[in-house]
């Protein structure tokens, strides 16, 4: 059949004919084709219409063969447009072998992706040529276009359990021999590591509390422990605080110097020496900070993919979830649901843990014991549903011990998909916003270090 437009973009008419023909004569080919392909993957307009007719027949639970497809096209007034009944017969005759069906499907997808990239580049070039977008807007537009194409990819099918059991047994035997109790990333907090066995690849983790309870400080402590102690690279999206504020916190935390003294220019020689040593230690820490205010979801995902590819980060931390910008949603609940779903998908795609901070609703304040619950996650039940691990920070003595330098804190494991729930005790050293295991941190404290 002659092409309806100039034969310029990448395509394989033979592969498209072979796949459509096979889908009309073999149930296995039909299922595989519908799973892997969409109408936009076909180059020839006639093939798009034939694929639509096959999908229509499948949705209506009809037997799919050339006669049924012909009937649907005829009713839609599209039969002559695709070349008539003769062309449908040609498709059947063009099936070389069902054995190469999957290869032909991959070829169609490959050509489709090439066309999409060409079209995206042309659209970006047009915006650049006529200066419809400026600077960063143009870069964001270009990145989003490529990301949309990347997300299409080639869909994976099922995995056989029999193929995976041996690998899992080998892994379990390996960690047994090594005597490892922490099989994920160590948080640096012994009790938390004991109950969670660390932060695991593909896990979506939420750390939640009411404002000013210390969730950013706890997140920074975890980042510090992963990057400084374990030398594992971490990416930190700080949507609320600037990079300078974050760096100051890291330095004071590491040096055990009062952050209030640092801000108030009341540092003595001993403080400066501690900060110098802390700076030298932090200079070698693979921590990467992005402090874009009001970052949108697509931009965050794009940057996360890039930092994972370029720096091999093993953990992504986001402060905080409700500040991520999601345009074109009808209400806040839909926004948070989309953010939650996409962050869980990002963790799976990158195969690393994604830790997102979140605000709790005011229901906590109205409760007599002020103790947070899963139902307090603001705006959307999808947070509770999507998360693999939910941590909640509770400071029961915050108001009554406001002038104390050290405070006992409860970290509540409110949900853990693959382990127990419970509570662990931490200590919060307020002057330098440092968390630690309660006993060891108290033992290490020096009264001079926590003097405001």
Protein backbone atom coordinates (compact mmCIF):
# COMPACT_ATOMS: atom_id res chain seq x y z
CA UNK A 1 0.00 0.00 0.00
CA UNK A 2 1.44 3.42 -0.89
CA UNK A 3 2.47 5.71 1.97
CA UNK A 4 0.20 8.62 2.72
CA UNK A 5 3.07 11.01 3.42
CA UNK A 6 6.66 11.47 2.44
CA UNK A 7 8.79 8.52 3.52
CA UNK A 8 11.24 10.39 5.76
CA UNK A 9 10.90 9.37 9.41
CA UNK A 10 12.24 6.06 10.82
CA UNK A 11 9.77 3.20 10.37
CA UNK A 12 9.40 -0.41 9.32
CA UNK A 13 6.28 -1.06 7.28
CA UNK A 14 7.13 -4.76 6.97
CA UNK A 15 7.37 -5.16 10.76
CA UNK A 16 4.06 -3.35 11.25
CA UNK A 17 2.35 -5.56 8.65
CA UNK A 18 3.79 -8.72 10.17
CA UNK A 19 2.72 -7.79 13.71
CA UNK A 20 -0.83 -6.77 12.74
CA UNK A 21 -1.24 -9.93 10.67
CA UNK A 22 0.00 -12.13 13.52
CA UNK A 23 -2.33 -10.41 16.00
CA UNK A 24 -5.31 -11.28 13.78
CA UNK A 25 -4.41 -14.97 13.55
CA UNK A 26 -2.80 -15.95 16.87
CA UNK A 27 -4.06 -15.36 20.43
CA UNK A 28 -0.58 -15.29 21.97
CA UNK A 29 0.60 -12.71 19.46
CA UNK A 30 -2.55 -10.69 20.15
CA UNK A 31 -1.91 -10.58 23.91
CA UNK A 32 1.76 -9.70 23.47
CA UNK A 33 1.01 -6.98 20.95
CA UNK A 34 -1.69 -5.34 23.05
CA UNK A 35 0.59 -5.41 26.09
CA UNK A 36 3.59 -3.85 24.35
CA UNK A 37 2.17 -1.48 21.73
CA UNK A 38 -0.03 1.58 21.51
CA UNK A 39 -1.66 3.13 18.47
CA UNK A 40 0.99 5.89 18.35
CA UNK A 41 3.71 3.30 17.80
CA UNK A 42 2.48 2.62 14.25
CA UNK A 43 3.77 4.82 11.45
CA UNK A 44 1.27 4.23 8.66
CA UNK A 45 -2.18 5.83 9.24
CA UNK A 46 -3.86 2.70 7.86
CA UNK A 47 -2.03 0.58 10.42
CA UNK A 48 -3.15 2.89 13.22
CA UNK A 49 -6.78 2.35 12.18
CA UNK A 50 -6.36 -1.42 11.94
CA UNK A 51 -4.77 -1.55 15.40
CA UNK A 52 -7.67 0.54 16.79
CA UNK A 53 -10.12 -1.93 15.27
CA UNK A 54 -8.27 -4.85 16.88
CA UNK A 55 -8.36 -3.09 20.26
CA UNK A 56 -12.09 -2.36 19.77
CA UNK A 57 -12.81 -6.02 19.05
CA UNK A 58 -10.71 -7.12 22.04
CA UNK A 59 -12.51 -4.72 24.40
CA UNK A 60 -15.87 -6.11 23.26
CA UNK A 61 -14.68 -9.69 23.82
CA UNK A 62 -15.09 -10.62 20.18
CA UNK A 63 -13.15 -13.22 18.27
CA UNK A 64 -10.37 -11.37 16.52
CA UNK A 65 -9.71 -12.33 12.93
CA UNK A 66 -9.63 -10.48 9.59
CA UNK A 67 -13.42 -10.86 9.17
CA UNK A 68 -14.18 -9.22 12.53
CA UNK A 69 -11.63 -6.43 11.95
CA UNK A 70 -13.10 -5.86 8.47
CA UNK A 71 -16.59 -5.58 9.99
CA UNK A 72 -15.50 -2.97 12.57
CA UNK A 73 -13.61 -0.90 9.98
CA UNK A 74 -16.58 -1.05 7.65
CA UNK A 75 -19.00 0.17 10.35
CA UNK A 76 -16.62 3.03 11.17
CA UNK A 77 -16.32 3.97 7.50
CA UNK A 78 -12.57 3.27 7.54
CA UNK A 79 -12.33 0.12 5.42
CA UNK A 80 -11.60 1.84 2.11
CA UNK A 81 -9.14 4.17 3.88
CA UNK A 82 -6.98 1.23 5.02
CA UNK A 83 -6.95 -0.44 1.61
CA UNK A 84 -10.05 -2.61 1.79
CA UNK A 85 -10.45 -6.30 2.55
CA UNK A 86 -7.58 -7.13 0.20
CA UNK A 87 -5.11 -5.30 2.41
CA UNK A 88 -6.23 -7.20 5.50
CA UNK A 89 -5.55 -10.43 3.60
CA UNK A 90 -2.13 -9.07 2.62
CA UNK A 91 -1.36 -8.58 6.32
CA UNK A 92 -2.06 -12.23 7.05
CA UNK A 93 0.09 -13.33 4.15
CA UNK A 94 2.90 -11.03 5.29
CA UNK A 95 3.37 -12.97 8.55
CA UNK A 96 6.73 -14.65 8.08
CA UNK A 97 6.91 -16.52 11.38
CA UNK A 98 5.42 -16.14 14.84
CA UNK A 99 8.88 -16.97 16.19
CA UNK A 100 10.11 -13.48 15.22
CA UNK A 101 7.00 -11.68 16.47
CA UNK A 102 8.67 -10.24 19.58
CA UNK A 103 11.59 -8.94 17.52
CA UNK A 104 9.19 -7.21 15.15
CA UNK A 105 7.38 -5.62 18.12
CA UNK A 106 10.71 -4.33 19.46
CA UNK A 107 11.55 -2.95 16.02
CA UNK A 108 8.25 -1.06 15.86
CA UNK A 109 8.85 0.44 19.32
CA UNK A 110 12.43 1.36 18.43
CA UNK A 111 11.30 3.20 15.28
CA UNK A 112 8.48 4.84 17.23
CA UNK A 113 10.88 6.13 19.90
CA UNK A 114 13.17 7.49 17.18
CA UNK A 115 10.28 9.38 15.61
CA UNK A 116 9.20 10.78 18.96
CA UNK A 117 12.73 12.03 19.66
CA UNK A 118 12.89 13.69 16.23
CA UNK A 119 9.52 15.37 16.77
CA UNK A 120 10.50 16.50 20.26
CA UNK A 121 13.80 17.96 19.04
CA UNK A 122 12.00 19.80 16.25
CA UNK A 123 9.51 21.23 18.76
CA UNK A 124 12.31 22.35 21.07
CA UNK A 125 14.22 23.86 18.14
CA UNK A 126 11.10 25.75 17.02
CA UNK A 127 10.64 27.20 20.52
CA UNK A 128 14.30 28.20 20.59
CA UNK A 129 14.27 29.68 17.08
CA UNK A 130 11.23 31.87 17.71
CA UNK A 131 12.19 32.51 21.35
CA UNK A 132 8.83 31.40 22.66
CA UNK A 133 10.51 30.21 25.87
CA UNK A 134 13.37 31.83 27.72
CA UNK A 135 16.45 30.32 29.36
CA UNK A 136 15.54 27.80 32.03
CA UNK A 137 11.99 27.47 30.67
CA UNK A 138 13.37 26.16 27.38
CA UNK A 139 15.68 23.71 29.15
CA UNK A 140 12.83 22.45 31.34
CA UNK A 141 10.61 22.06 28.26
CA UNK A 142 13.30 20.08 26.43
CA UNK A 143 13.94 17.84 29.41
CA UNK A 144 10.24 17.15 29.94
CA UNK A 145 9.79 16.19 26.29
CA UNK A 146 12.63 13.67 26.46
CA UNK A 147 11.38 12.36 29.81
CA UNK A 148 7.93 11.72 28.38
CA UNK A 149 9.57 9.59 25.70
CA UNK A 150 11.86 7.82 28.17
CA UNK A 151 8.93 6.89 30.39
CA UNK A 152 7.31 5.13 27.44
CA UNK A 153 10.29 2.79 27.02
CA UNK A 154 9.83 -0.89 26.36
CA UNK A 155 7.45 -2.43 28.87
CA UNK A 156 8.67 -5.38 30.85
CA UNK A 157 6.64 -8.54 31.09
CA UNK A 158 6.37 -11.19 33.79
CA UNK A 159 9.30 -12.81 35.54
CA UNK A 160 9.31 -16.51 36.30
CA UNK A 161 9.52 -17.35 40.00
CA UNK A 162 11.61 -20.41 39.17
CA UNK A 163 14.23 -18.15 37.57
CA UNK A 164 14.43 -15.89 40.64
CA UNK A 165 14.37 -18.31 43.58
CA UNK A 166 17.98 -19.41 43.09
CA UNK A 167 19.26 -15.83 43.00
CA UNK A 168 17.36 -14.96 46.17
CA UNK A 169 18.68 -18.04 47.98
CA UNK A 170 22.23 -17.13 46.94
CA UNK A 171 21.73 -13.60 48.29
CA UNK A 172 20.33 -14.86 51.61
CA UNK A 173 23.21 -17.28 52.00
CA UNK A 174 25.69 -14.47 51.28
CA UNK A 175 24.33 -12.09 53.94
CA UNK A 176 24.05 -14.98 56.43
CA UNK A 177 27.73 -15.79 56.03
CA UNK A 178 28.65 -12.11 56.31
CA UNK A 179 26.63 -11.84 59.50
CA UNK A 180 24.93 -8.67 58.30
CA UNK A 181 21.89 -7.54 60.27
CA UNK A 182 21.55 -4.34 58.22
CA UNK A 183 20.94 -5.33 54.61
CA UNK A 184 19.94 -1.88 53.35
CA UNK A 185 21.55 1.53 53.83
CA UNK A 186 22.40 2.11 57.47
CA UNK A 187 20.69 5.19 58.92
CA UNK A 188 23.36 5.44 61.62
CA UNK A 189 20.76 4.87 64.36
CA UNK A 190 21.20 1.41 65.86
CA UNK A 191 17.64 0.80 67.06
CA UNK A 192 16.15 2.09 63.81
CA UNK A 193 18.49 -0.13 61.79
CA UNK A 194 17.62 -3.11 63.99
CA UNK A 195 13.89 -2.80 63.38
CA UNK A 196 14.08 -1.86 59.67
CA UNK A 197 17.37 -3.57 58.66
CA UNK A 198 18.20 -0.28 56.93
CA UNK A 199 16.73 1.69 54.04
CA UNK A 200 16.16 -0.64 51.12
CA UNK A 201 16.27 -0.16 47.33
CA UNK A 202 12.91 0.71 45.74
CA UNK A 203 11.41 1.71 49.10
CA UNK A 204 9.34 4.87 49.38
CA UNK A 205 9.82 6.19 52.92
CA UNK A 206 7.90 8.97 54.63
CA UNK A 207 9.23 10.87 57.65
CA UNK A 208 6.37 12.92 59.06
CA UNK A 209 5.65 15.31 61.92
CA UNK A 210 4.05 18.60 62.74
CA UNK A 211 6.15 21.73 61.94
CA UNK A 212 9.20 22.47 64.13
CA UNK A 213 9.45 18.94 65.47
CA UNK A 214 12.86 18.29 63.92
CA UNK A 215 12.10 16.19 60.86
CA UNK A 216 14.52 18.19 58.67
CA UNK A 217 17.20 17.80 61.33
CA UNK A 218 16.62 14.04 61.52
CA UNK A 219 16.75 13.79 57.73
CA UNK A 220 20.04 15.71 57.68
CA UNK A 221 21.41 13.37 60.34
CA UNK A 222 20.49 10.36 58.21
CA UNK A 223 22.07 11.98 55.13
CA UNK A 224 25.20 12.71 57.15
CA UNK A 225 25.44 9.15 58.46
CA UNK A 226 24.97 7.62 55.00
CA UNK A 227 27.41 9.95 53.22
CA UNK A 228 30.06 10.64 55.88
CA UNK A 229 30.18 7.34 57.72
CA UNK A 230 29.35 4.95 54.88
CA UNK A 231 30.70 7.04 51.95
CA UNK A 232 27.49 6.47 49.97
CA UNK A 233 26.33 9.36 47.73
CA UNK A 234 23.07 11.08 48.64
CA UNK A 235 20.91 13.62 46.77
CA UNK A 236 18.97 16.14 48.87
CA UNK A 237 16.10 18.21 47.44
CA UNK A 238 15.62 21.09 49.90
CA UNK A 239 12.51 22.91 48.73
CA UNK A 240 12.04 24.90 51.93
CA UNK A 241 15.58 25.83 53.04
CA UNK A 242 18.43 27.38 51.04
CA UNK A 243 21.66 25.53 50.37
CA UNK A 244 23.55 27.94 52.66
CA UNK A 245 21.23 27.13 55.57
CA UNK A 246 21.68 23.42 54.89
CA UNK A 247 25.48 23.69 54.76
CA UNK A 248 25.55 25.62 58.06
CA UNK A 249 23.44 22.91 59.70
CA UNK A 250 25.72 20.16 58.40
CA UNK A 251 28.81 21.97 59.68
CA UNK A 252 27.42 22.69 63.15
CA UNK A 253 26.03 19.18 63.41
CA UNK A 254 29.37 17.64 62.47
CA UNK A 255 31.44 20.00 64.65
CA UNK A 256 29.00 19.86 67.60
CA UNK A 257 28.92 23.63 67.68
CA UNK A 258 25.83 25.65 68.57
CA UNK A 259 24.08 26.85 65.43
CA UNK A 260 22.78 29.87 67.38
CA UNK A 261 26.36 30.91 68.20
CA UNK A 262 27.34 30.52 64.55
CA UNK A 263 24.45 32.68 63.35
CA UNK A 264 25.09 35.27 66.02
CA UNK A 265 28.82 35.56 65.26
CA UNK A 266 29.66 34.44 68.81
CA UNK A 267 32.12 31.71 67.87
CA UNK A 268 35.33 31.37 69.88
CA UNK A 269 38.67 29.90 68.77
CA UNK A 270 37.70 26.42 69.94
CA UNK A 271 34.49 26.59 67.90
CA UNK A 272 36.38 27.67 64.79
CA UNK A 273 38.85 24.81 65.16
CA UNK A 274 36.00 22.32 65.44
CA UNK A 275 34.31 23.84 62.40
CA UNK A 276 37.54 23.62 60.42
CA UNK A 277 37.87 19.89 61.14
CA UNK A 278 34.18 19.40 60.34
CA UNK A 279 34.61 21.24 57.04
CA UNK A 280 37.50 18.99 56.04
CA UNK A 281 35.41 15.92 56.81
CA UNK A 282 32.36 17.21 54.96
CA UNK A 283 34.38 18.20 51.89
CA UNK A 284 34.84 14.49 51.17
CA UNK A 285 31.17 13.62 51.76
CA UNK A 286 29.26 12.78 48.54
CA UNK A 287 26.21 14.94 49.32
CA UNK A 288 24.47 16.76 46.46
CA UNK A 289 21.99 19.54 47.29
CA UNK A 290 19.29 21.06 45.09
CA UNK A 291 17.47 24.00 46.71
CA UNK A 292 15.10 24.91 43.88
CA UNK A 293 12.11 26.62 45.47
CA UNK A 294 8.73 25.37 44.26
CA UNK A 295 10.26 22.62 42.14
CA UNK A 296 7.70 20.81 40.01
CA UNK A 297 7.29 17.07 39.94
CA UNK A 298 8.66 16.54 36.43
CA UNK A 299 11.75 18.62 37.14
CA UNK A 300 12.41 16.78 40.38
CA UNK A 301 12.16 13.40 38.65
CA UNK A 302 14.42 14.55 35.83
CA UNK A 303 17.06 15.82 38.24
CA UNK A 304 16.82 12.65 40.31
CA UNK A 305 17.41 10.50 37.24
CA UNK A 306 20.37 12.63 36.21
CA UNK A 307 22.08 12.64 39.62
CA UNK A 308 21.56 8.89 39.87
CA UNK A 309 23.13 8.41 36.45
CA UNK A 310 26.01 10.84 36.96
CA UNK A 311 26.87 10.33 40.64
CA UNK A 312 25.38 6.91 41.42
CA UNK A 313 23.42 8.20 44.43
CA UNK A 314 22.15 5.52 46.79
CA UNK A 315 19.52 7.65 48.56
CA UNK A 316 17.25 10.55 47.61
CA UNK A 317 15.78 12.80 50.33
CA UNK A 318 13.04 15.38 49.69
CA UNK A 319 12.14 18.18 52.13
CA UNK A 320 9.24 18.26 51.91
CA UNK A 321 6.59 16.42 49.92
CA UNK A 322 3.73 18.92 50.12
CA UNK A 323 5.92 21.70 48.65
CA UNK A 324 6.39 19.89 45.31
CA UNK A 325 4.52 21.78 42.61
CA UNK A 326 2.01 19.83 40.51
CA UNK A 327 0.11 21.92 37.95
CA UNK A 328 -3.26 21.13 36.39
CA UNK A 329 -4.73 19.12 39.28
CA UNK A 330 -8.28 19.75 40.43
CA UNK A 331 -7.60 19.76 44.15
CA UNK A 332 -4.89 19.31 46.78
CA UNK A 333 -5.82 15.70 47.45
CA UNK A 334 -5.25 14.79 43.80
CA UNK A 335 -1.92 16.65 43.85
CA UNK A 336 -0.63 14.77 46.90
CA UNK A 337 -1.90 11.45 45.53
CA UNK A 338 -0.03 12.04 42.27
CA UNK A 339 3.16 13.08 44.09
CA UNK A 340 2.99 10.00 46.30
CA UNK A 341 2.43 7.65 43.38
CA UNK A 342 5.19 9.22 41.29
CA UNK A 343 7.76 9.16 44.11
CA UNK A 344 7.03 5.50 44.74
CA UNK A 345 7.49 4.89 41.02
CA UNK A 346 10.75 6.86 41.08
CA UNK A 347 12.12 4.71 43.91
CA UNK A 348 11.32 1.57 41.94
CA UNK A 349 12.69 2.95 38.68
CA UNK A 350 16.01 4.07 40.19
CA UNK A 351 16.12 1.08 42.55
CA UNK A 352 17.14 3.21 45.53
CA UNK A 353 15.25 4.37 48.64
CA UNK A 354 13.42 7.70 48.34
CA UNK A 355 12.84 9.43 51.69
CA UNK A 356 10.23 12.20 51.61
CA UNK A 357 9.42 14.45 54.54
CA UNK A 358 5.75 15.26 55.10
CA UNK A 359 3.60 17.51 57.29
CA UNK A 360 0.96 16.03 59.58
CA UNK A 361 -2.51 17.50 60.02
CA UNK A 362 -3.58 19.56 63.02
CA UNK A 363 -5.43 16.53 64.40
CA UNK A 364 -2.21 15.76 66.29
CA UNK A 365 -2.40 19.04 68.20
CA UNK A 366 -5.98 18.42 69.28
CA UNK A 367 -5.11 14.97 70.61
CA UNK A 368 -4.39 14.93 74.36
CA UNK A 369 -1.10 13.05 74.15
CA UNK A 370 -0.08 14.83 70.90
CA UNK A 371 1.04 11.44 69.57
CA UNK A 372 0.85 11.17 65.74
CA UNK A 373 -1.03 8.43 63.91
CA UNK A 374 -1.12 7.24 60.29
CA UNK A 375 -4.47 8.97 59.81
CA UNK A 376 -2.73 12.31 60.49
CA UNK A 377 -0.90 12.28 57.15
CA UNK A 378 -2.25 15.39 55.50
CA UNK A 379 -4.47 15.61 52.42
CA UNK A 380 -4.30 12.08 51.11
CA UNK A 381 -4.66 8.48 52.25
CA UNK A 382 -2.47 7.55 49.28
CA UNK A 383 0.62 8.49 51.32
CA UNK A 384 -0.14 5.72 53.77
CA UNK A 385 -1.00 3.35 50.95
CA UNK A 386 2.06 4.01 48.75
CA UNK A 387 4.72 4.20 51.45
CA UNK A 388 6.76 1.15 52.33
CA UNK A 389 7.92 2.72 55.58
CA UNK A 390 6.31 5.54 57.57
CA UNK A 391 8.31 7.19 60.37
CA UNK A 392 6.73 9.75 62.69
CA UNK A 393 8.61 12.07 65.00
CA UNK A 394 7.11 12.64 68.44
CA UNK A 395 8.57 14.98 71.06
CA UNK A 396 6.30 14.47 74.09
CA UNK A 397 8.27 16.87 76.31
CA UNK A 398 8.89 19.62 73.73
CA UNK A 399 6.83 22.32 75.49
CA UNK A 400 7.79 21.56 79.07
CA UNK A 401 11.53 21.21 78.34
CA UNK A 402 11.90 24.13 75.99
CA UNK A 403 15.09 25.41 77.67
CA UNK A 404 16.84 22.05 77.89
CA UNK A 405 19.72 21.40 75.53
CA UNK A 406 18.96 17.67 75.22
CA UNK A 407 15.54 16.12 74.79
CA UNK A 408 14.23 12.58 74.63
CA UNK A 409 12.40 11.92 71.35
CA UNK A 410 10.23 9.07 70.14
CA UNK A 411 10.54 7.89 66.56
CA UNK A 412 7.42 5.92 65.73
CA UNK A 413 7.59 3.25 63.02
CA UNK A 414 3.91 3.58 62.12
CA UNK A 415 4.04 1.36 59.03
CA UNK A 416 6.58 -1.07 57.67
CA UNK A 417 5.54 -3.18 54.72
CA UNK A 418 8.23 -5.79 55.29
CA UNK A 419 8.76 -5.69 59.03
CA UNK A 420 7.38 -4.86 62.47
CA UNK A 421 6.12 -1.53 63.74
CA UNK A 422 7.04 0.04 67.07
CA UNK A 423 8.85 2.95 68.70
CA UNK A 424 12.50 3.76 69.28
CA UNK A 425 14.13 6.28 71.61
CA UNK A 426 16.42 9.00 70.28
CA UNK A 427 17.96 12.05 71.86
CA UNK A 428 17.86 15.46 70.17
CA UNK A 429 20.71 17.85 70.99
CA UNK A 430 19.00 21.12 70.09
CA UNK A 431 21.94 23.58 69.93
CA UNK A 432 23.53 21.77 67.00
CA UNK A 433 20.39 19.99 65.76
CA UNK A 434 21.93 16.57 66.11
CA UNK A 435 20.04 13.33 66.72
CA UNK A 436 21.60 10.25 68.20
CA UNK A 437 20.92 6.95 69.90
CA UNK A 438 19.83 8.02 73.35
CA UNK A 439 22.42 6.32 75.54
CA UNK A 440 25.53 6.90 73.43
CA UNK A 441 24.66 10.51 72.67
CA UNK A 442 24.12 11.36 76.33
CA UNK A 443 27.41 9.70 77.25
CA UNK A 444 29.27 11.75 74.63
CA UNK A 445 27.83 15.12 75.63
CA UNK A 446 30.10 17.88 76.90
CA UNK A 447 28.30 20.65 78.81
CA UNK A 448 30.51 23.28 77.14
CA UNK A 449 29.46 22.09 73.68
CA UNK A 450 25.78 22.81 74.22
CA UNK A 451 26.17 26.26 75.74
CA UNK A 452 24.19 28.84 73.75
